[in-house]
Amino acid sequence: MPDDTPQHSGQARDQIDVQLDDDLHYWAKKFDVTPDQIKEAVDAVGSRASEVEMHLKGSRASTNADQEARGAAAS
């Protein structure tokens, strides 16, 4: 199976460049999220794909009530 990971002028395979539509759409499809969710995750944790994936999995693995409880506990 061919590797469809976008290759852009020396860009590391584990970096997401949200300025490039090809990157944005590739990673959105790979992680089964929207391009906007990719942008939000990159804003939150940086452009490393593995960190973005963990962030997205963490945000989908809990309910809104769980997120609110964590926010209240942090205050």
PDB file of N, CA and C in Angstrom:
ATOM      1  N   MET A   1       0.850  -1.179   0.000  1.00  0.00           N
ATOM      2  CA  MET A   1       0.000   0.000   0.000  1.00  0.00           C
ATOM      3  C   MET A   1       0.895   1.241   0.000  1.00  0.00           C
ATOM      4  N   PRO A   2       0.698   2.149  -0.925  1.00  0.00           N
ATOM      5  CA  PRO A   2       1.546   3.344  -0.980  1.00  0.00           C
ATOM      6  C   PRO A   2       1.282   4.286   0.186  1.00  0.00           C
ATOM      7  N   ASP A   3       2.325   4.998   0.569  1.00  0.00           N
ATOM      8  CA  ASP A   3       2.228   5.982   1.649  1.00  0.00           C
ATOM      9  C   ASP A   3       1.761   7.300   1.048  1.00  0.00           C
ATOM     10  N   ASP A   4       0.568   7.764   1.444  1.00  0.00           N
ATOM     11  CA  ASP A   4       0.010   8.999   0.903  1.00  0.00           C
ATOM     12  C   ASP A   4       0.352  10.228   1.728  1.00  0.00           C
ATOM     13  N   THR A   5       1.262  10.094   2.700  1.00  0.00           N
ATOM     14  CA  THR A   5       1.645  11.234   3.522  1.00  0.00           C
ATOM     15  C   THR A   5       2.213  12.326   2.625  1.00  0.00           C
ATOM     16  N   PRO A   6       1.709  13.546   2.748  1.00  0.00           N
ATOM     17  CA  PRO A   6       2.215  14.630   1.908  1.00  0.00           C
ATOM     18  C   PRO A   6       3.693  14.896   2.172  1.00  0.00           C
ATOM     19  N   GLN A   7       4.419  15.168   1.122  1.00  0.00           N
ATOM     20  CA  GLN A   7       5.829  15.522   1.236  1.00  0.00           C
ATOM     21  C   GLN A   7       6.001  16.933   0.688  1.00  0.00           C
ATOM     22  N   HIS A   8       6.460  17.837   1.502  1.00  0.00           N
ATOM     23  CA  HIS A   8       6.610  19.226   1.085  1.00  0.00           C
ATOM     24  C   HIS A   8       7.993  19.718   1.468  1.00  0.00           C
ATOM     25  N   SER A   9       8.773  20.050   0.494  1.00  0.00           N
ATOM     26  CA  SER A   9      10.089  20.668   0.639  1.00  0.00           C
ATOM     27  C   SER A   9      10.769  20.387   1.974  1.00  0.00           C
ATOM     28  N   GLY A  10      11.081  19.138   2.220  1.00  0.00           N
ATOM     29  CA  GLY A  10      11.838  18.785   3.410  1.00  0.00           C
ATOM     30  C   GLY A  10      11.031  18.712   4.683  1.00  0.00           C
ATOM     31  N   GLN A  11       9.739  18.882   4.592  1.00  0.00           N
ATOM     32  CA  GLN A  11       8.908  18.833   5.801  1.00  0.00           C
ATOM     33  C   GLN A  11       8.957  17.446   6.420  1.00  0.00           C
ATOM     34  N   ALA A  12       9.101  17.400   7.722  1.00  0.00           N
ATOM     35  CA  ALA A  12       9.134  16.123   8.430  1.00  0.00           C
ATOM     36  C   ALA A  12       7.797  15.414   8.282  1.00  0.00           C
ATOM     37  N   ARG A  13       7.851  14.093   8.239  1.00  0.00           N
ATOM     38  CA  ARG A  13       6.643  13.299   8.053  1.00  0.00           C
ATOM     39  C   ARG A  13       5.697  13.411   9.236  1.00  0.00           C
ATOM     40  N   ASP A  14       6.171  13.832  10.372  1.00  0.00           N
ATOM     41  CA  ASP A  14       5.298  13.893  11.550  1.00  0.00           C
ATOM     42  C   ASP A  14       4.886  15.321  11.901  1.00  0.00           C
ATOM     43  N   GLN A  15       5.030  16.226  10.960  1.00  0.00           N
ATOM     44  CA  GLN A  15       4.643  17.616  11.187  1.00  0.00           C
ATOM     45  C   GLN A  15       3.431  17.964  10.331  1.00  0.00           C
ATOM     46  N   ILE A  16       2.517  18.727  10.898  1.00  0.00           N
ATOM     47  CA  ILE A  16       1.321  19.165  10.181  1.00  0.00           C
ATOM     48  C   ILE A  16       1.459  20.653   9.893  1.00  0.00           C
ATOM     49  N   ASP A  17       1.399  20.998   8.629  1.00  0.00           N
ATOM     50  CA  ASP A  17       1.457  22.403   8.232  1.00  0.00           C
ATOM     51  C   ASP A  17       0.044  22.849   7.872  1.00  0.00           C
ATOM     52  N   VAL A  18      -0.611  23.559   8.777  1.00  0.00           N
ATOM     53  CA  VAL A  18      -2.005  23.965   8.563  1.00  0.00           C
ATOM     54  C   VAL A  18      -2.137  25.027   7.470  1.00  0.00           C
ATOM     55  N   GLN A  19      -1.014  25.571   7.011  1.00  0.00           N
ATOM     56  CA  GLN A  19      -1.053  26.545   5.919  1.00  0.00           C
ATOM     57  C   GLN A  19      -1.184  25.864   4.556  1.00  0.00           C
ATOM     58  N   LEU A  20      -0.932  24.553   4.519  1.00  0.00           N
ATOM     59  CA  LEU A  20      -1.016  23.796   3.270  1.00  0.00           C
ATOM     60  C   LEU A  20      -2.294  22.970   3.250  1.00  0.00           C
ATOM     61  N   ASP A  21      -3.164  23.263   2.299  1.00  0.00           N
ATOM     62  CA  ASP A  21      -4.443  22.548   2.210  1.00  0.00           C
ATOM     63  C   ASP A  21      -4.256  21.041   2.099  1.00  0.00           C
ATOM     64  N   ASP A  22      -3.247  20.600   1.338  1.00  0.00           N
ATOM     65  CA  ASP A  22      -3.007  19.161   1.195  1.00  0.00           C
ATOM     66  C   ASP A  22      -2.728  18.516   2.545  1.00  0.00           C
ATOM     67  N   ASP A  23      -1.883  19.152   3.346  1.00  0.00           N
ATOM     68  CA  ASP A  23      -1.572  18.638   4.684  1.00  0.00           C
ATOM     69  C   ASP A  23      -2.825  18.607   5.549  1.00  0.00           C
ATOM     70  N   LEU A  24      -3.525  19.700   5.556  1.00  0.00           N
ATOM     71  CA  LEU A  24      -4.715  19.837   6.391  1.00  0.00           C
ATOM     72  C   LEU A  24      -5.738  18.750   6.069  1.00  0.00           C
ATOM     73  N   HIS A  25      -5.993  18.552   4.802  1.00  0.00           N
ATOM     74  CA  HIS A  25      -6.992  17.553   4.404  1.00  0.00           C
ATOM     75  C   HIS A  25      -6.488  16.127   4.604  1.00  0.00           C
ATOM     76  N   TYR A  26      -5.197  15.892   4.376  1.00  0.00           N
ATOM     77  CA  TYR A  26      -4.633  14.561   4.611  1.00  0.00           C
ATOM     78  C   TYR A  26      -4.801  14.162   6.080  1.00  0.00           C
ATOM     79  N   TRP A  27      -4.362  15.038   6.986  1.00  0.00           N
ATOM     80  CA  TRP A  27      -4.404  14.700   8.415  1.00  0.00           C
ATOM     81  C   TRP A  27      -5.837  14.664   8.936  1.00  0.00           C
ATOM     82  N   ALA A  28      -6.708  15.514   8.425  1.00  0.00           N
ATOM     83  CA  ALA A  28      -8.117  15.474   8.833  1.00  0.00           C
ATOM     84  C   ALA A  28      -8.727  14.124   8.464  1.00  0.00           C
ATOM     85  N   LYS A  29      -8.431  13.658   7.266  1.00  0.00           N
ATOM     86  CA  LYS A  29      -8.946  12.353   6.836  1.00  0.00           C
ATOM     87  C   LYS A  29      -8.322  11.236   7.670  1.00  0.00           C
ATOM     88  N   LYS A  30      -7.023  11.313   7.893  1.00  0.00           N
ATOM     89  CA  LYS A  30      -6.317  10.273   8.652  1.00  0.00           C
ATOM     90  C   LYS A  30      -6.867  10.151  10.073  1.00  0.00           C
ATOM     91  N   PHE A  31      -7.153  11.277  10.710  1.00  0.00           N
ATOM     92  CA  PHE A  31      -7.634  11.262  12.098  1.00  0.00           C
ATOM     93  C   PHE A  31      -9.159  11.288  12.191  1.00  0.00           C
ATOM     94  N   ASP A  32      -9.837  11.289  11.049  1.00  0.00           N
ATOM     95  CA  ASP A  32     -11.300  11.275  10.988  1.00  0.00           C
ATOM     96  C   ASP A  32     -11.912  12.459  11.740  1.00  0.00           C
ATOM     97  N   VAL A  33     -11.396  13.640  11.432  1.00  0.00           N
ATOM     98  CA  VAL A  33     -11.886  14.887  12.027  1.00  0.00           C
ATOM     99  C   VAL A  33     -11.995  15.929  10.913  1.00  0.00           C
ATOM    100  N   THR A  34     -12.459  17.110  11.255  1.00  0.00           N
ATOM    101  CA  THR A  34     -12.552  18.188  10.273  1.00  0.00           C
ATOM    102  C   THR A  34     -11.231  18.956  10.209  1.00  0.00           C
ATOM    103  N   PRO A  35     -10.993  19.654   9.103  1.00  0.00           N
ATOM    104  CA  PRO A  35      -9.806  20.508   9.039  1.00  0.00           C
ATOM    105  C   PRO A  35      -9.772  21.546  10.169  1.00  0.00           C
ATOM    106  N   ASP A  36     -10.924  22.067  10.559  1.00  0.00           N
ATOM    107  CA  ASP A  36     -10.956  23.030  11.670  1.00  0.00           C
ATOM    108  C   ASP A  36     -10.493  22.388  12.972  1.00  0.00           C
ATOM    109  N   GLN A  37     -10.852  21.125  13.183  1.00  0.00           N
ATOM    110  CA  GLN A  37     -10.400  20.432  14.391  1.00  0.00           C
ATOM    111  C   GLN A  37      -8.884  20.235  14.364  1.00  0.00           C
ATOM    112  N   ILE A  38      -8.327  19.987  13.186  1.00  0.00           N
ATOM    113  CA  ILE A  38      -6.870  19.876  13.061  1.00  0.00           C
ATOM    114  C   ILE A  38      -6.230  21.211  13.441  1.00  0.00           C
ATOM    115  N   LYS A  39      -6.761  22.311  12.906  1.00  0.00           N
ATOM    116  CA  LYS A  39      -6.217  23.638  13.221  1.00  0.00           C
ATOM    117  C   LYS A  39      -6.282  23.922  14.719  1.00  0.00           C
ATOM    118  N   GLU A  40      -7.410  23.613  15.340  1.00  0.00           N
ATOM    119  CA  GLU A  40      -7.563  23.848  16.777  1.00  0.00           C
ATOM    120  C   GLU A  40      -6.573  23.003  17.578  1.00  0.00           C
ATOM    121  N   ALA A  41      -6.384  21.757  17.166  1.00  0.00           N
ATOM    122  CA  ALA A  41      -5.455  20.875  17.870  1.00  0.00           C
ATOM    123  C   ALA A  41      -4.018  21.369  17.715  1.00  0.00           C
ATOM    124  N   VAL A  42      -3.655  21.815  16.518  1.00  0.00           N
ATOM    125  CA  VAL A  42      -2.310  22.347  16.297  1.00  0.00           C
ATOM    126  C   VAL A  42      -2.103  23.599  17.145  1.00  0.00           C
ATOM    127  N   ASP A  43      -3.112  24.442  17.243  1.00  0.00           N
ATOM    128  CA  ASP A  43      -3.020  25.620  18.114  1.00  0.00           C
ATOM    129  C   ASP A  43      -2.806  25.213  19.566  1.00  0.00           C
ATOM    130  N   ALA A  44      -3.433  24.117  19.978  1.00  0.00           N
ATOM    131  CA  ALA A  44      -3.367  23.681  21.376  1.00  0.00           C
ATOM    132  C   ALA A  44      -2.062  22.976  21.729  1.00  0.00           C
ATOM    133  N   VAL A  45      -1.563  22.107  20.817  1.00  0.00           N
ATOM    134  CA  VAL A  45      -0.421  21.260  21.193  1.00  0.00           C
ATOM    135  C   VAL A  45       0.774  21.354  20.262  1.00  0.00           C
ATOM    136  N   GLY A  46       0.677  22.140  19.209  1.00  0.00           N
ATOM    137  CA  GLY A  46       1.781  22.229  18.258  1.00  0.00           C
ATOM    138  C   GLY A  46       1.531  21.372  17.031  1.00  0.00           C
ATOM    139  N   SER A  47       2.489  21.360  16.127  1.00  0.00           N
ATOM    140  CA  SER A  47       2.281  20.747  14.813  1.00  0.00           C
ATOM    141  C   SER A  47       2.734  19.296  14.699  1.00  0.00           C
ATOM    142  N   ARG A  48       3.228  18.718  15.760  1.00  0.00           N
ATOM    143  CA  ARG A  48       3.655  17.316  15.703  1.00  0.00           C
ATOM    144  C   ARG A  48       2.426  16.411  15.611  1.00  0.00           C
ATOM    145  N   ALA A  49       2.370  15.601  14.558  1.00  0.00           N
ATOM    146  CA  ALA A  49       1.190  14.780  14.282  1.00  0.00           C
ATOM    147  C   ALA A  49       0.840  13.851  15.437  1.00  0.00           C
ATOM    148  N   SER A  50       1.828  13.257  16.076  1.00  0.00           N
ATOM    149  CA  SER A  50       1.538  12.335  17.182  1.00  0.00           C
ATOM    150  C   SER A  50       0.894  13.061  18.357  1.00  0.00           C
ATOM    151  N   GLU A  51       1.322  14.287  18.622  1.00  0.00           N
ATOM    152  CA  GLU A  51       0.728  15.075  19.703  1.00  0.00           C
ATOM    153  C   GLU A  51      -0.692  15.514  19.336  1.00  0.00           C
ATOM    154  N   VAL A  52      -0.877  15.895  18.079  1.00  0.00           N
ATOM    155  CA  VAL A  52      -2.210  16.280  17.608  1.00  0.00           C
ATOM    156  C   VAL A  52      -3.154  15.091  17.727  1.00  0.00           C
ATOM    157  N   GLU A  53      -2.683  13.916  17.327  1.00  0.00           N
ATOM    158  CA  GLU A  53      -3.517  12.713  17.413  1.00  0.00           C
ATOM    159  C   GLU A  53      -3.922  12.427  18.859  1.00  0.00           C
ATOM    160  N   MET A  54      -2.976  12.495  19.782  1.00  0.00           N
ATOM    161  CA  MET A  54      -3.292  12.246  21.193  1.00  0.00           C
ATOM    162  C   MET A  54      -4.275  13.288  21.718  1.00  0.00           C
ATOM    163  N   HIS A  55      -4.091  14.535  21.334  1.00  0.00           N
ATOM    164  CA  HIS A  55      -5.001  15.600  21.754  1.00  0.00           C
ATOM    165  C   HIS A  55      -6.412  15.328  21.237  1.00  0.00           C
ATOM    166  N   LEU A  56      -6.517  14.963  19.970  1.00  0.00           N
ATOM    167  CA  LEU A  56      -7.829  14.690  19.386  1.00  0.00           C
ATOM    168  C   LEU A  56      -8.481  13.474  20.026  1.00  0.00           C
ATOM    169  N   LYS A  57      -7.712  12.440  20.272  1.00  0.00           N
ATOM    170  CA  LYS A  57      -8.267  11.243  20.919  1.00  0.00           C
ATOM    171  C   LYS A  57      -8.722  11.569  22.330  1.00  0.00           C
ATOM    172  N   GLY A  58      -7.948  12.376  23.031  1.00  0.00           N
ATOM    173  CA  GLY A  58      -8.315  12.764  24.389  1.00  0.00           C
ATOM    174  C   GLY A  58      -9.572  13.597  24.417  1.00  0.00           C
ATOM    175  N   SER A  59      -9.727  14.482  23.452  1.00  0.00           N
ATOM    176  CA  SER A  59     -10.909  15.343  23.445  1.00  0.00           C
ATOM    177  C   SER A  59     -12.151  14.579  23.025  1.00  0.00           C
ATOM    178  N   ARG A  60     -11.980  13.502  22.279  1.00  0.00           N
ATOM    179  CA  ARG A  60     -13.136  12.705  21.865  1.00  0.00           C
ATOM    180  C   ARG A  60     -13.449  11.609  22.872  1.00  0.00           C
ATOM    181  N   ALA A  61     -12.517  11.328  23.774  1.00  0.00           N
ATOM    182  CA  ALA A  61     -12.695  10.220  24.706  1.00  0.00           C
ATOM    183  C   ALA A  61     -13.464  10.621  25.953  1.00  0.00           C
ATOM    184  N   SER A  62     -13.888  11.860  26.029  1.00  0.00           N
ATOM    185  CA  SER A  62     -14.608  12.301  27.217  1.00  0.00           C
ATOM    186  C   SER A  62     -15.856  13.080  26.811  1.00  0.00           C
ATOM    187  N   THR A  63     -16.771  13.163  27.735  1.00  0.00           N
ATOM    188  CA  THR A  63     -17.998  13.909  27.487  1.00  0.00           C
ATOM    189  C   THR A  63     -17.783  15.375  27.827  1.00  0.00           C
ATOM    190  N   ASN A  64     -18.719  16.201  27.451  1.00  0.00           N
ATOM    191  CA  ASN A  64     -18.656  17.610  27.792  1.00  0.00           C
ATOM    192  C   ASN A  64     -18.644  17.780  29.310  1.00  0.00           C
ATOM    193  N   ALA A  65     -19.420  16.971  30.024  1.00  0.00           N
ATOM    194  CA  ALA A  65     -19.449  17.040  31.490  1.00  0.00           C
ATOM    195  C   ALA A  65     -18.071  16.727  32.071  1.00  0.00           C
ATOM    196  N   ASP A  66     -17.376  15.749  31.477  1.00  0.00           N
ATOM    197  CA  ASP A  66     -16.020  15.428  31.931  1.00  0.00           C
ATOM    198  C   ASP A  66     -15.092  16.620  31.737  1.00  0.00           C
ATOM    199  N   GLN A  67     -15.192  17.266  30.571  1.00  0.00           N
ATOM    200  CA  GLN A  67     -14.357  18.428  30.291  1.00  0.00           C
ATOM    201  C   GLN A  67     -14.643  19.559  31.280  1.00  0.00           C
ATOM    202  N   GLU A  68     -15.923  19.804  31.584  1.00  0.00           N
ATOM    203  CA  GLU A  68     -16.292  20.854  32.533  1.00  0.00           C
ATOM    204  C   GLU A  68     -15.783  20.521  33.927  1.00  0.00           C
ATOM    205  N   ALA A  69     -15.865  19.258  34.316  1.00  0.00           N
ATOM    206  CA  ALA A  69     -15.377  18.839  35.631  1.00  0.00           C
ATOM    207  C   ALA A  69     -13.872  19.049  35.734  1.00  0.00           C
ATOM    208  N   ARG A  70     -13.144  18.742  34.668  1.00  0.00           N
ATOM    209  CA  ARG A  70     -11.696  18.965  34.670  1.00  0.00           C
ATOM    210  C   ARG A  70     -11.383  20.445  34.792  1.00  0.00           C
ATOM    211  N   GLY A  71     -12.140  21.269  34.087  1.00  0.00           N
ATOM    212  CA  GLY A  71     -11.931  22.715  34.154  1.00  0.00           C
ATOM    213  C   GLY A  71     -12.193  23.254  35.543  1.00  0.00           C
ATOM    214  N   ALA A  72     -13.230  22.764  36.205  1.00  0.00           N
ATOM    215  CA  ALA A  72     -13.559  23.202  37.562  1.00  0.00           C
ATOM    216  C   ALA A  72     -12.500  22.731  38.548  1.00  0.00           C
ATOM    217  N   ALA A  73     -11.983  21.536  38.349  1.00  0.00           N
ATOM    218  CA  ALA A  73     -10.964  20.992  39.248  1.00  0.00           C
ATOM    219  C   ALA A  73      -9.652  21.758  39.116  1.00  0.00           C
ATOM    220  N   ALA A  74      -9.374  22.260  37.924  1.00  0.00           N
ATOM    221  CA  ALA A  74      -8.134  22.998  37.691  1.00  0.00           C
ATOM    222  C   ALA A  74      -8.184  24.400  38.285  1.00  0.00           C
ATOM    223  N   SER A  75      -9.372  24.899  38.550  1.00  0.00           N
ATOM    224  CA  SER A  75      -9.524  26.270  39.068  1.00  0.00           C
ATOM    225  C   SER A  75      -9.240  26.359  40.536  1.00  0.00           C
TER     226      SER A  75
END
